[in-house]
Amino acid sequence: GSTFSMGWYRQAPGKQRELVATISRGGSTNYGDSVKGR
């Protein structure tokens, strides 16, 4: 169904879940530092 914000998170073995990227319905984005530019 319709959503307001969507995003991706990741979790490596033995580590906490971390932000990868999010995007609002209007297209505003936010990235984790480790993935910016890639």
All heavy atoms as atom14 arrays in JSON, in Angstrom:
{
  "sequence": "GSTFSMGWYRQAPGKQRELVATISRGGSTNYGDSVKGR",
  "atom14_mask": [
    [1, 1, 1, 1, 0, 0, 0, 0, 0, 0, 0, 0, 0, 0],
    [1, 1, 1, 1, 1, 1, 0, 0, 0, 0, 0, 0, 0, 0],
    [1, 1, 1, 1, 1, 1, 1, 0, 0, 0, 0, 0, 0, 0],
    [1, 1, 1, 1, 1, 1, 1, 1, 1, 1, 1, 0, 0, 0],
    [1, 1, 1, 1, 1, 1, 0, 0, 0, 0, 0, 0, 0, 0],
    [1, 1, 1, 1, 1, 1, 1, 1, 0, 0, 0, 0, 0, 0],
    [1, 1, 1, 1, 0, 0, 0, 0, 0, 0, 0, 0, 0, 0],
    [1, 1, 1, 1, 1, 1, 1, 1, 1, 1, 1, 1, 1, 1],
    [1, 1, 1, 1, 1, 1, 1, 1, 1, 1, 1, 1, 0, 0],
    [1, 1, 1, 1, 1, 1, 1, 1, 1, 1, 1, 0, 0, 0],
    [1, 1, 1, 1, 1, 1, 1, 1, 1, 0, 0, 0, 0, 0],
    [1, 1, 1, 1, 1, 0, 0, 0, 0, 0, 0, 0, 0, 0],
    [1, 1, 1, 1, 1, 1, 1, 0, 0, 0, 0, 0, 0, 0],
    [1, 1, 1, 1, 0, 0, 0, 0, 0, 0, 0, 0, 0, 0],
    [1, 1, 1, 1, 1, 1, 1, 1, 1, 0, 0, 0, 0, 0],
    [1, 1, 1, 1, 1, 1, 1, 1, 1, 0, 0, 0, 0, 0],
    [1, 1, 1, 1, 1, 1, 1, 1, 1, 1, 1, 0, 0, 0],
    [1, 1, 1, 1, 1, 1, 1, 1, 1, 0, 0, 0, 0, 0],
    [1, 1, 1, 1, 1, 1, 1, 1, 0, 0, 0, 0, 0, 0],
    [1, 1, 1, 1, 1, 1, 1, 0, 0, 0, 0, 0, 0, 0],
    [1, 1, 1, 1, 1, 0, 0, 0, 0, 0, 0, 0, 0, 0],
    [1, 1, 1, 1, 1, 1, 1, 0, 0, 0, 0, 0, 0, 0],
    [1, 1, 1, 1, 1, 1, 1, 1, 0, 0, 0, 0, 0, 0],
    [1, 1, 1, 1, 1, 1, 0, 0, 0, 0, 0, 0, 0, 0],
    [1, 1, 1, 1, 1, 1, 1, 1, 1, 1, 1, 0, 0, 0],
    [1, 1, 1, 1, 0, 0, 0, 0, 0, 0, 0, 0, 0, 0],
    [1, 1, 1, 1, 0, 0, 0, 0, 0, 0, 0, 0, 0, 0],
    [1, 1, 1, 1, 1, 1, 0, 0, 0, 0, 0, 0, 0, 0],
    [1, 1, 1, 1, 1, 1, 1, 0, 0, 0, 0, 0, 0, 0],
    [1, 1, 1, 1, 1, 1, 1, 1, 0, 0, 0, 0, 0, 0],
    [1, 1, 1, 1, 1, 1, 1, 1, 1, 1, 1, 1, 0, 0],
    [1, 1, 1, 1, 0, 0, 0, 0, 0, 0, 0, 0, 0, 0],
    [1, 1, 1, 1, 1, 1, 1, 1, 0, 0, 0, 0, 0, 0],
    [1, 1, 1, 1, 1, 1, 0, 0, 0, 0, 0, 0, 0, 0],
    [1, 1, 1, 1, 1, 1, 1, 0, 0, 0, 0, 0, 0, 0],
    [1, 1, 1, 1, 1, 1, 1, 1, 1, 0, 0, 0, 0, 0],
    [1, 1, 1, 1, 0, 0, 0, 0, 0, 0, 0, 0, 0, 0],
    [1, 1, 1, 1, 1, 1, 1, 1, 1, 1, 1, 0, 0, 0]
  ],
  "atom14_positions": [
    [[0.82, -1.19, 0.0], [0.0, 0.0, 0.0], [0.85, 1.25, 0.0], [2.08, 1.17, -0.06], [0.0, 0.0, 0.0], [0.0, 0.0, 0.0], [0.0, 0.0, 0.0], [0.0, 0.0, 0.0], [0.0, 0.0, 0.0], [0.0, 0.0, 0.0], [0.0, 0.0, 0.0], [0.0, 0.0, 0.0], [0.0, 0.0, 0.0], [0.0, 0.0, 0.0]],
    [[0.19, 2.37, 0.08], [0.9, 3.65, 0.05], [1.7, 3.87, 1.32], [1.28, 3.47, 2.41], [-0.12, 4.78, -0.12], [0.52, 6.02, -0.17], [0.0, 0.0, 0.0], [0.0, 0.0, 0.0], [0.0, 0.0, 0.0], [0.0, 0.0, 0.0], [0.0, 0.0, 0.0], [0.0, 0.0, 0.0], [0.0, 0.0, 0.0], [0.0, 0.0, 0.0]],
    [[2.86, 4.49, 1.17], [3.72, 4.74, 2.32], [4.16, 6.19, 2.35], [4.15, 6.88, 1.33], [4.97, 3.84, 2.29], [5.75, 4.19, 1.14], [4.6, 2.37, 2.23], [0.0, 0.0, 0.0], [0.0, 0.0, 0.0], [0.0, 0.0, 0.0], [0.0, 0.0, 0.0], [0.0, 0.0, 0.0], [0.0, 0.0, 0.0], [0.0, 0.0, 0.0]],
    [[4.58, 6.62, 3.53], [5.11, 7.96, 3.68], [6.62, 7.95, 3.42], [7.12, 8.64, 2.56], [4.81, 8.49, 5.08], [5.44, 9.82, 5.37], [5.06, 10.95, 4.67], [6.43, 9.94, 6.33], [5.65, 12.18, 4.91], [7.03, 11.17, 6.57], [6.65, 12.28, 5.87], [0.0, 0.0, 0.0], [0.0, 0.0, 0.0], [0.0, 0.0, 0.0]],
    [[7.33, 7.16, 4.17], [8.78, 7.08, 4.04], [9.16, 5.61, 3.86], [8.54, 4.73, 4.44], [9.46, 7.65, 5.28], [10.86, 7.42, 5.23], [0.0, 0.0, 0.0], [0.0, 0.0, 0.0], [0.0, 0.0, 0.0], [0.0, 0.0, 0.0], [0.0, 0.0, 0.0], [0.0, 0.0, 0.0], [0.0, 0.0, 0.0], [0.0, 0.0, 0.0]],
    [[10.18, 5.38, 3.05], [10.7, 4.02, 2.89], [12.21, 4.07, 3.0], [12.83, 5.12, 2.74], [10.28, 3.42, 1.55], [8.78, 3.27, 1.4], [8.3, 2.39, -0.11], [8.66, 0.69, 0.35], [0.0, 0.0, 0.0], [0.0, 0.0, 0.0], [0.0, 0.0, 0.0], [0.0, 0.0, 0.0], [0.0, 0.0, 0.0], [0.0, 0.0, 0.0]],
    [[12.8, 2.96, 3.37], [14.24, 2.97, 3.5], [14.84, 1.58, 3.58], [14.12, 0.58, 3.6], [0.0, 0.0, 0.0], [0.0, 0.0, 0.0], [0.0, 0.0, 0.0], [0.0, 0.0, 0.0], [0.0, 0.0, 0.0], [0.0, 0.0, 0.0], [0.0, 0.0, 0.0], [0.0, 0.0, 0.0], [0.0, 0.0, 0.0], [0.0, 0.0, 0.0]],
    [[16.13, 1.58, 3.61], [16.91, 0.34, 3.73], [17.83, 0.43, 4.94], [18.45, 1.46, 5.19], [17.74, 0.11, 2.47], [16.93, -0.21, 1.26], [16.49, 0.67, 0.31], [16.45, -1.49, 0.87], [15.76, 0.02, -0.64], [15.72, -1.32, -0.33], [16.55, -2.78, 1.4], [15.11, -2.38, -0.99], [15.95, -3.83, 0.74], [15.23, -3.63, -0.45]],
    [[17.9, -0.67, 5.66], [18.8, -0.83, 6.78], [19.54, -2.14, 6.56], [19.09, -3.0, 5.79], [18.03, -0.86, 8.1], [17.35, 0.45, 8.41], [16.2, 0.85, 7.74], [17.87, 1.31, 9.38], [15.59, 2.06, 8.01], [17.26, 2.53, 9.66], [16.13, 2.89, 8.98], [15.53, 4.09, 9.23], [0.0, 0.0, 0.0], [0.0, 0.0, 0.0]],
    [[20.66, -2.31, 7.24], [21.38, -3.57, 7.09], [21.95, -4.02, 8.43], [22.19, -3.2, 9.32], [22.51, -3.42, 6.07], [23.64, -2.5, 6.48], [24.62, -2.31, 5.32], [25.76, -1.49, 5.71], [26.7, -1.07, 4.86], [26.63, -1.42, 3.56], [27.71, -0.33, 5.28], [0.0, 0.0, 0.0], [0.0, 0.0, 0.0], [0.0, 0.0, 0.0]],
    [[22.14, -5.31, 8.52], [22.7, -5.89, 9.75], [23.68, -6.98, 9.38], [23.32, -7.98, 8.76], [21.59, -6.44, 10.63], [22.07, -6.88, 12.0], [20.93, -7.1, 12.97], [19.77, -7.26, 12.59], [21.25, -7.09, 14.26], [0.0, 0.0, 0.0], [0.0, 0.0, 0.0], [0.0, 0.0, 0.0], [0.0, 0.0, 0.0], [0.0, 0.0, 0.0]],
    [[24.93, -6.75, 9.76], [25.98, -7.75, 9.57], [26.06, -8.63, 10.81], [25.65, -8.22, 11.9], [27.31, -7.05, 9.31], [0.0, 0.0, 0.0], [0.0, 0.0, 0.0], [0.0, 0.0, 0.0], [0.0, 0.0, 0.0], [0.0, 0.0, 0.0], [0.0, 0.0, 0.0], [0.0, 0.0, 0.0], [0.0, 0.0, 0.0], [0.0, 0.0, 0.0]],
    [[26.6, -9.83, 10.67], [26.7, -10.72, 11.83], [27.45, -10.06, 12.99], [28.54, -9.5, 12.81], [27.49, -11.91, 11.27], [27.19, -11.92, 9.82], [27.07, -10.47, 9.44], [0.0, 0.0, 0.0], [0.0, 0.0, 0.0], [0.0, 0.0, 0.0], [0.0, 0.0, 0.0], [0.0, 0.0, 0.0], [0.0, 0.0, 0.0], [0.0, 0.0, 0.0]],
    [[26.86, -10.13, 14.16], [27.49, -9.58, 15.34], [27.43, -8.08, 15.48], [28.02, -7.51, 16.41], [0.0, 0.0, 0.0], [0.0, 0.0, 0.0], [0.0, 0.0, 0.0], [0.0, 0.0, 0.0], [0.0, 0.0, 0.0], [0.0, 0.0, 0.0], [0.0, 0.0, 0.0], [0.0, 0.0, 0.0], [0.0, 0.0, 0.0], [0.0, 0.0, 0.0]],
    [[26.73, -7.42, 14.57], [26.64, -5.96, 14.6], [25.19, -5.51, 14.71], [24.27, -6.27, 14.43], [27.28, -5.36, 13.35], [28.78, -5.6, 13.25], [29.37, -4.84, 12.09], [30.89, -5.01, 12.03], [31.48, -4.23, 10.9], [0.0, 0.0, 0.0], [0.0, 0.0, 0.0], [0.0, 0.0, 0.0], [0.0, 0.0, 0.0], [0.0, 0.0, 0.0]],
    [[25.02, -4.27, 15.1], [23.68, -3.71, 15.19], [23.16, -3.33, 13.81], [23.94, -3.07, 12.89], [23.7, -2.46, 16.1], [23.92, -2.76, 17.57], [23.75, -1.53, 18.43], [24.02, -0.42, 18.0], [23.28, -1.73, 19.64], [0.0, 0.0, 0.0], [0.0, 0.0, 0.0], [0.0, 0.0, 0.0], [0.0, 0.0, 0.0], [0.0, 0.0, 0.0]],
    [[21.85, -3.31, 13.71], [21.24, -2.87, 12.46], [21.56, -1.38, 12.27], [21.46, -0.59, 13.2], [19.73, -3.1, 12.49], [19.05, -2.93, 11.16], [17.6, -3.39, 11.22], [17.5, -4.83, 11.5], [16.36, -5.51, 11.44], [15.24, -4.89, 11.08], [16.34, -6.79, 11.72], [0.0, 0.0, 0.0], [0.0, 0.0, 0.0], [0.0, 0.0, 0.0]],
    [[21.93, -1.01, 11.04], [22.3, 0.37, 10.78], [21.57, 0.92, 9.57], [21.16, 0.18, 8.67], [23.81, 0.5, 10.55], [24.33, -0.21, 9.32], [25.81, 0.07, 9.05], [26.44, 0.83, 9.81], [26.32, -0.49, 8.07], [0.0, 0.0, 0.0], [0.0, 0.0, 0.0], [0.0, 0.0, 0.0], [0.0, 0.0, 0.0], [0.0, 0.0, 0.0]],
    [[21.45, 2.22, 9.55], [20.82, 2.91, 8.43], [21.68, 2.8, 7.18], [22.89, 3.01, 7.22], [20.64, 4.39, 8.77], [20.29, 5.32, 7.62], [18.86, 5.08, 7.17], [20.5, 6.77, 8.01], [0.0, 0.0, 0.0], [0.0, 0.0, 0.0], [0.0, 0.0, 0.0], [0.0, 0.0, 0.0], [0.0, 0.0, 0.0], [0.0, 0.0, 0.0]],
    [[21.02, 2.49, 6.07], [21.67, 2.59, 4.77], [21.18, 3.84, 4.06], [21.97, 4.72, 3.71], [21.39, 1.34, 3.91], [22.0, 1.5, 2.52], [21.93, 0.08, 4.6], [0.0, 0.0, 0.0], [0.0, 0.0, 0.0], [0.0, 0.0, 0.0], [0.0, 0.0, 0.0], [0.0, 0.0, 0.0], [0.0, 0.0, 0.0], [0.0, 0.0, 0.0]],
    [[19.87, 3.92, 3.86], [19.3, 5.09, 3.18], [17.79, 5.13, 3.38], [17.16, 4.08, 3.53], [19.61, 5.06, 1.68], [0.0, 0.0, 0.0], [0.0, 0.0, 0.0], [0.0, 0.0, 0.0], [0.0, 0.0, 0.0], [0.0, 0.0, 0.0], [0.0, 0.0, 0.0], [0.0, 0.0, 0.0], [0.0, 0.0, 0.0], [0.0, 0.0, 0.0]],
    [[17.25, 6.33, 3.4], [15.81, 6.51, 3.45], [15.39, 7.53, 2.4], [16.21, 8.35, 1.95], [15.33, 7.0, 4.82], [15.92, 8.27, 5.09], [15.7, 6.02, 5.92], [0.0, 0.0, 0.0], [0.0, 0.0, 0.0], [0.0, 0.0, 0.0], [0.0, 0.0, 0.0], [0.0, 0.0, 0.0], [0.0, 0.0, 0.0], [0.0, 0.0, 0.0]],
    [[14.12, 7.45, 2.02], [13.58, 8.39, 1.04], [12.13, 8.68, 1.4], [11.36, 7.76, 1.7], [13.72, 7.85, -0.39], [13.25, 8.89, -1.41], [12.98, 6.52, -0.58], [13.64, 8.55, -2.85], [0.0, 0.0, 0.0], [0.0, 0.0, 0.0], [0.0, 0.0, 0.0], [0.0, 0.0, 0.0], [0.0, 0.0, 0.0], [0.0, 0.0, 0.0]],
    [[11.77, 9.94, 1.39], [10.39, 10.33, 1.69], [9.54, 10.21, 0.43], [10.06, 10.04, -0.68], [10.35, 11.77, 2.19], [10.64, 12.66, 1.12], [0.0, 0.0, 0.0], [0.0, 0.0, 0.0], [0.0, 0.0, 0.0], [0.0, 0.0, 0.0], [0.0, 0.0, 0.0], [0.0, 0.0, 0.0], [0.0, 0.0, 0.0], [0.0, 0.0, 0.0]],
    [[8.25, 10.33, 0.6], [7.36, 10.25, -0.54], [7.66, 11.37, -1.54], [7.5, 11.19, -2.75], [5.91, 10.31, -0.08], [4.9, 10.06, -1.19], [3.5, 9.87, -0.67], [2.59, 9.56, -1.77], [2.42, 8.35, -2.28], [3.1, 7.32, -1.77], [1.6, 8.15, -3.27], [0.0, 0.0, 0.0], [0.0, 0.0, 0.0], [0.0, 0.0, 0.0]],
    [[8.12, 12.48, -1.03], [8.45, 13.61, -1.9], [9.82, 13.53, -2.54], [10.18, 14.36, -3.36], [0.0, 0.0, 0.0], [0.0, 0.0, 0.0], [0.0, 0.0, 0.0], [0.0, 0.0, 0.0], [0.0, 0.0, 0.0], [0.0, 0.0, 0.0], [0.0, 0.0, 0.0], [0.0, 0.0, 0.0], [0.0, 0.0, 0.0], [0.0, 0.0, 0.0]],
    [[10.62, 12.51, -2.12], [11.92, 12.31, -2.76], [13.11, 12.77, -1.96], [14.25, 12.67, -2.43], [0.0, 0.0, 0.0], [0.0, 0.0, 0.0], [0.0, 0.0, 0.0], [0.0, 0.0, 0.0], [0.0, 0.0, 0.0], [0.0, 0.0, 0.0], [0.0, 0.0, 0.0], [0.0, 0.0, 0.0], [0.0, 0.0, 0.0], [0.0, 0.0, 0.0]],
    [[12.9, 13.28, -0.76], [14.04, 13.67, 0.08], [14.77, 12.42, 0.57], [14.14, 11.47, 1.02], [13.56, 14.48, 1.28], [12.97, 15.68, 0.84], [0.0, 0.0, 0.0], [0.0, 0.0, 0.0], [0.0, 0.0, 0.0], [0.0, 0.0, 0.0], [0.0, 0.0, 0.0], [0.0, 0.0, 0.0], [0.0, 0.0, 0.0], [0.0, 0.0, 0.0]],
    [[16.09, 12.46, 0.48], [16.89, 11.28, 0.81], [17.84, 11.53, 1.97], [18.22, 12.67, 2.25], [17.7, 10.81, -0.41], [18.56, 11.87, -0.83], [16.79, 10.41, -1.56], [0.0, 0.0, 0.0], [0.0, 0.0, 0.0], [0.0, 0.0, 0.0], [0.0, 0.0, 0.0], [0.0, 0.0, 0.0], [0.0, 0.0, 0.0], [0.0, 0.0, 0.0]],
    [[18.22, 10.44, 2.6], [19.19, 10.48, 3.69], [20.02, 9.2, 3.6], [19.46, 8.12, 3.38], [18.48, 10.54, 5.04], [19.46, 10.64, 6.19], [20.43, 11.37, 6.13], [19.2, 9.88, 7.25], [0.0, 0.0, 0.0], [0.0, 0.0, 0.0], [0.0, 0.0, 0.0], [0.0, 0.0, 0.0], [0.0, 0.0, 0.0], [0.0, 0.0, 0.0]],
    [[21.34, 9.32, 3.73], [22.23, 8.17, 3.59], [23.11, 7.98, 4.82], [23.53, 8.95, 5.46], [23.16, 8.34, 2.37], [22.44, 8.29, 1.04], [21.98, 9.46, 0.44], [22.24, 7.09, 0.39], [21.32, 9.42, -0.78], [21.58, 7.03, -0.83], [21.13, 8.21, -1.4], [20.48, 8.16, -2.62], [0.0, 0.0, 0.0], [0.0, 0.0, 0.0]],
    [[23.43, 6.73, 5.09], [24.44, 6.45, 6.09], [25.81, 6.86, 5.56], [26.06, 6.79, 4.35], [0.0, 0.0, 0.0], [0.0, 0.0, 0.0], [0.0, 0.0, 0.0], [0.0, 0.0, 0.0], [0.0, 0.0, 0.0], [0.0, 0.0, 0.0], [0.0, 0.0, 0.0], [0.0, 0.0, 0.0], [0.0, 0.0, 0.0], [0.0, 0.0, 0.0]],
    [[26.69, 7.26, 6.46], [27.99, 7.77, 6.03], [28.79, 6.75, 5.21], [29.51, 7.12, 4.28], [28.81, 8.2, 7.25], [28.28, 9.46, 7.89], [27.53, 10.21, 7.22], [28.6, 9.71, 9.07], [0.0, 0.0, 0.0], [0.0, 0.0, 0.0], [0.0, 0.0, 0.0], [0.0, 0.0, 0.0], [0.0, 0.0, 0.0], [0.0, 0.0, 0.0]],
    [[28.65, 5.48, 5.54], [29.48, 4.47, 4.9], [29.07, 4.18, 3.45], [29.83, 3.53, 2.72], [29.44, 3.18, 5.7], [28.12, 2.67, 5.76], [0.0, 0.0, 0.0], [0.0, 0.0, 0.0], [0.0, 0.0, 0.0], [0.0, 0.0, 0.0], [0.0, 0.0, 0.0], [0.0, 0.0, 0.0], [0.0, 0.0, 0.0], [0.0, 0.0, 0.0]],
    [[27.91, 4.64, 3.03], [27.45, 4.34, 1.68], [27.32, 5.58, 0.8], [27.01, 5.45, -0.39], [26.11, 3.57, 1.7], [26.22, 2.33, 2.58], [24.96, 4.45, 2.13], [0.0, 0.0, 0.0], [0.0, 0.0, 0.0], [0.0, 0.0, 0.0], [0.0, 0.0, 0.0], [0.0, 0.0, 0.0], [0.0, 0.0, 0.0], [0.0, 0.0, 0.0]],
    [[27.53, 6.74, 1.36], [27.4, 7.97, 0.58], [28.33, 7.95, -0.63], [29.5, 7.6, -0.52], [27.71, 9.19, 1.46], [26.61, 9.52, 2.45], [26.98, 10.74, 3.29], [25.89, 11.06, 4.29], [26.26, 12.19, 5.18], [0.0, 0.0, 0.0], [0.0, 0.0, 0.0], [0.0, 0.0, 0.0], [0.0, 0.0, 0.0], [0.0, 0.0, 0.0]],
    [[27.78, 8.31, -1.77], [28.56, 8.34, -3.0], [28.63, 7.01, -3.73], [29.08, 6.96, -4.88], [0.0, 0.0, 0.0], [0.0, 0.0, 0.0], [0.0, 0.0, 0.0], [0.0, 0.0, 0.0], [0.0, 0.0, 0.0], [0.0, 0.0, 0.0], [0.0, 0.0, 0.0], [0.0, 0.0, 0.0], [0.0, 0.0, 0.0], [0.0, 0.0, 0.0]],
    [[28.17, 5.93, -3.09], [28.2, 4.61, -3.73], [26.8, 4.04, -3.95], [26.56, 3.34, -4.92], [29.01, 3.62, -2.88], [30.45, 4.02, -2.67], [31.23, 2.91, -1.96], [30.71, 2.61, -0.64], [30.31, 1.41, -0.24], [30.38, 0.38, -1.07], [29.85, 1.22, 0.99], [0.0, 0.0, 0.0], [0.0, 0.0, 0.0], [0.0, 0.0, 0.0]]
  ]
}
